[in-house]
Amino acid sequence: MAYPRHGLRFGEINETNGTAEEVAAIKKIGRIVGPMNAVLRVPQYAINFSRMGDFFFKQQVIPRDVHELAIIYVGRHWNAQFEWFAHRAIAIKEGLPAHICDAIEQGRRPENMNENQRIVYDFTAELIQNKGVSDKTYAEAKAKFGEKGIIHLIGVIAFYTSVCMVLNVDKFPVPEGVTPMARL
């Protein structure tokens, strides 16, 4: 399945039409997918944006399944079609049960979550919906993942919020043949 190279608002930047700085950023980044084409308009930002994405993709501070749970919750909250499409598949590959993904897609709290899933779901939902977390939710997350895990989770939520914002402003589509999720 071919991923779109750019959204509907920001035209494609590539090695033949980009400025010298944009082309240098493309070479440094490598694969240009999702929000990367749009952020190339500010090459140094694009390089750092890519590094941040790589950091969160490669780090194992919290288990991968719940790392992806946080990402798909953010993607769903923002109705970011491409983000949801891409990370739902990754979440399932990383072991997040499909019924959890389905519930999040439908705007429902998932049932039958294990402890890690429940803690990350609650933390992510509270932070996004309430702009903070309760003492109880913080204490549970700290007991399970430590302060390092909490900061990592906040970083994932913040970074993927910015990814979704770029994708939405760019009206970045899902690949041809993929049905977009319904808006909540």
Protein backbone atom coordinates (compact mmCIF):
# COMPACT_ATOMS: atom_id res chain seq x y z
CA MET A 1 0.00 0.00 0.00
CA ALA A 2 1.46 3.34 -1.02
CA TYR A 3 1.35 6.10 1.57
CA PRO A 4 0.51 9.61 0.38
CA ARG A 5 3.62 11.80 0.10
CA HIS A 6 1.87 15.01 1.11
CA GLY A 7 -1.46 16.42 2.18
CA LEU A 8 -3.90 18.59 0.32
CA ARG A 9 -2.59 21.99 1.45
CA PHE A 10 1.20 21.81 1.48
CA GLY A 11 2.57 20.87 -1.92
CA GLU A 12 5.31 18.28 -2.14
CA ILE A 13 8.88 19.32 -1.42
CA ASN A 14 11.45 16.99 -2.92
CA GLU A 15 15.07 16.97 -4.02
CA THR A 16 14.26 18.64 -7.35
CA ASN A 17 12.05 21.52 -6.19
CA GLY A 18 13.28 22.19 -2.66
CA THR A 19 15.63 24.91 -1.52
CA ALA A 20 19.19 23.90 -0.64
CA GLU A 21 18.24 23.81 3.06
CA GLU A 22 15.11 21.73 2.39
CA VAL A 23 17.07 19.26 0.25
CA ALA A 24 19.75 18.98 2.94
CA ALA A 25 17.00 18.25 5.49
CA ILE A 26 15.46 15.61 3.20
CA LYS A 27 18.84 13.88 2.90
CA LYS A 28 19.35 14.01 6.65
CA ILE A 29 15.84 12.76 7.47
CA GLY A 30 15.53 10.10 4.79
CA ARG A 31 11.96 8.90 4.46
CA ILE A 32 9.45 11.73 4.12
CA VAL A 33 6.04 10.51 5.29
CA GLY A 34 3.11 11.84 7.28
CA PRO A 35 3.74 15.35 8.61
CA MET A 36 7.34 15.55 7.41
CA ASN A 37 6.61 17.12 4.02
CA ALA A 38 4.73 19.98 5.68
CA VAL A 39 7.33 20.68 8.36
CA LEU A 40 10.10 20.75 5.73
CA ARG A 41 9.15 24.41 5.23
CA VAL A 42 11.31 25.03 8.30
CA PRO A 43 14.22 22.64 7.62
CA GLN A 44 15.85 22.70 11.07
CA TYR A 45 12.47 22.15 12.69
CA ALA A 46 11.89 19.21 10.33
CA ILE A 47 15.23 17.67 11.32
CA ASN A 48 14.47 18.04 15.03
CA PHE A 49 10.87 16.89 14.54
CA SER A 50 12.19 13.76 12.83
CA ARG A 51 14.70 13.16 15.64
CA MET A 52 11.93 13.45 18.22
CA GLY A 53 9.80 10.97 16.31
CA ASP A 54 12.75 8.58 16.08
CA PHE A 55 13.41 9.01 19.80
CA PHE A 56 9.88 8.06 20.78
CA PHE A 57 9.76 5.24 18.25
CA LYS A 58 13.00 3.66 19.49
CA GLN A 59 12.75 4.22 23.25
CA GLN A 60 11.38 1.48 25.49
CA VAL A 61 10.65 3.52 28.63
CA ILE A 62 7.09 2.19 28.83
CA PRO A 63 5.85 -1.01 27.15
CA ARG A 64 5.28 -0.64 23.40
CA ASP A 65 1.62 -1.66 23.46
CA VAL A 66 0.66 1.12 25.87
CA HIS A 67 3.00 3.58 24.18
CA GLU A 68 0.90 3.01 21.06
CA LEU A 69 -2.33 3.16 23.09
CA ALA A 70 -1.41 6.74 24.04
CA ILE A 71 -0.65 7.59 20.40
CA ILE A 72 -3.92 6.24 19.05
CA TYR A 73 -5.86 8.00 21.80
CA VAL A 74 -4.22 11.27 20.74
CA GLY A 75 -4.87 10.52 17.07
CA ARG A 76 -8.52 9.79 17.79
CA HIS A 77 -8.94 12.87 19.95
CA TRP A 78 -7.67 15.01 17.07
CA ASN A 79 -9.57 13.02 14.41
CA ALA A 80 -6.22 12.73 12.62
CA GLN A 81 -7.04 10.21 9.91
CA PHE A 82 -3.53 9.29 8.80
CA GLU A 83 -2.19 9.11 12.36
CA TRP A 84 -5.01 6.77 13.34
CA PHE A 85 -4.53 4.63 10.24
CA ALA A 86 -0.76 4.30 10.70
CA HIS A 87 -0.62 3.79 14.46
CA ARG A 88 -3.63 1.52 14.87
CA ALA A 89 -1.75 -1.05 12.80
CA ILE A 90 1.42 -0.51 14.85
CA ALA A 91 -0.54 -0.78 18.12
CA ILE A 92 -1.98 -4.14 17.13
CA LYS A 93 1.44 -5.34 15.94
CA GLU A 94 2.85 -4.33 19.35
CA GLY A 95 0.21 -6.41 21.13
CA LEU A 96 -2.59 -3.97 21.90
CA PRO A 97 -5.85 -5.92 21.50
CA ALA A 98 -8.07 -4.87 18.60
CA HIS A 99 -11.07 -4.43 20.92
CA ILE A 100 -9.20 -1.62 22.71
CA CYS A 101 -8.44 0.10 19.41
CA ASP A 102 -12.06 -0.34 18.32
CA ALA A 103 -13.41 1.20 21.54
CA ILE A 104 -11.08 4.20 21.24
CA GLU A 105 -12.11 4.65 17.61
CA GLN A 106 -15.77 4.67 18.72
CA GLY A 107 -15.05 7.19 21.50
CA ARG A 108 -15.69 4.65 24.27
CA ARG A 109 -13.60 3.63 27.26
CA PRO A 110 -12.28 0.15 26.44
CA GLU A 111 -13.37 -2.78 28.56
CA ASN A 112 -11.14 -5.61 29.78
CA MET A 113 -7.91 -3.59 29.87
CA ASN A 114 -4.96 -4.95 31.80
CA GLU A 115 -3.35 -2.79 34.49
CA ASN A 116 -0.80 -1.13 32.18
CA GLN A 117 -3.46 -0.36 29.59
CA ARG A 118 -5.87 1.06 32.17
CA ILE A 119 -3.20 3.29 33.74
CA VAL A 120 -1.99 4.67 30.40
CA TYR A 121 -5.54 5.10 29.10
CA ASP A 122 -6.59 6.99 32.24
CA PHE A 123 -3.46 9.16 32.26
CA THR A 124 -3.76 10.02 28.57
CA ALA A 125 -7.51 10.66 28.69
CA GLU A 126 -7.29 12.83 31.80
CA LEU A 127 -4.35 14.85 30.52
CA ILE A 128 -6.07 15.54 27.20
CA GLN A 129 -9.61 16.03 28.49
CA ASN A 130 -8.85 17.79 31.80
CA LYS A 131 -5.50 19.40 30.93
CA GLY A 132 -4.01 17.65 33.95
CA VAL A 133 -4.24 14.39 35.88
CA SER A 134 -5.69 13.54 39.28
CA ASP A 135 -3.46 12.64 42.21
CA LYS A 136 -4.80 9.07 42.01
CA THR A 137 -3.94 8.71 38.32
CA TYR A 138 -0.50 10.25 38.86
CA ALA A 139 0.21 7.92 41.80
CA GLU A 140 -0.83 4.84 39.81
CA ALA A 141 1.32 5.85 36.84
CA LYS A 142 4.29 6.61 39.10
CA ALA A 143 3.95 3.29 40.94
CA LYS A 144 3.81 1.37 37.65
CA PHE A 145 6.20 3.30 35.37
CA GLY A 146 8.17 5.64 37.65
CA GLU A 147 8.79 9.33 37.08
CA LYS A 148 10.82 8.53 33.97
CA GLY A 149 7.84 6.67 32.52
CA ILE A 150 5.49 9.54 33.33
CA ILE A 151 7.72 12.06 31.58
CA HIS A 152 8.07 9.72 28.61
CA LEU A 153 4.29 9.35 28.42
CA ILE A 154 3.77 13.12 28.61
CA GLY A 155 6.34 13.51 25.82
CA VAL A 156 4.57 10.95 23.63
CA ILE A 157 1.23 12.70 24.15
CA ALA A 158 2.73 16.13 23.43
CA PHE A 159 4.74 15.06 20.38
CA TYR A 160 1.89 13.17 18.76
CA THR A 161 -0.48 16.06 19.48
CA SER A 162 1.81 18.23 17.35
CA VAL A 163 1.95 15.50 14.67
CA CYS A 164 -1.86 15.43 14.56
CA MET A 165 -2.08 19.21 14.37
CA VAL A 166 0.23 19.29 11.34
CA LEU A 167 -1.63 16.42 9.67
CA ASN A 168 -5.00 18.07 10.23
CA VAL A 169 -3.93 21.49 8.99
CA ASP A 170 -2.44 19.79 5.91
CA LYS A 171 -5.60 17.68 5.44
CA PHE A 172 -3.31 14.67 5.11
CA PRO A 173 -5.30 11.74 3.64
CA VAL A 174 -5.29 8.06 4.40
CA PRO A 175 -3.98 5.84 1.59
CA GLU A 176 -6.29 5.20 -1.34
CA GLY A 177 -8.76 2.42 -0.57
CA VAL A 178 -8.69 2.99 3.22
CA THR A 179 -11.97 4.10 4.78
CA PRO A 180 -11.46 7.14 7.03
CA MET A 181 -12.72 6.89 10.59
CA ALA A 182 -15.93 8.70 11.46
CA ARG A 183 -15.60 12.04 13.22
CA LEU A 184 -16.61 12.11 16.87
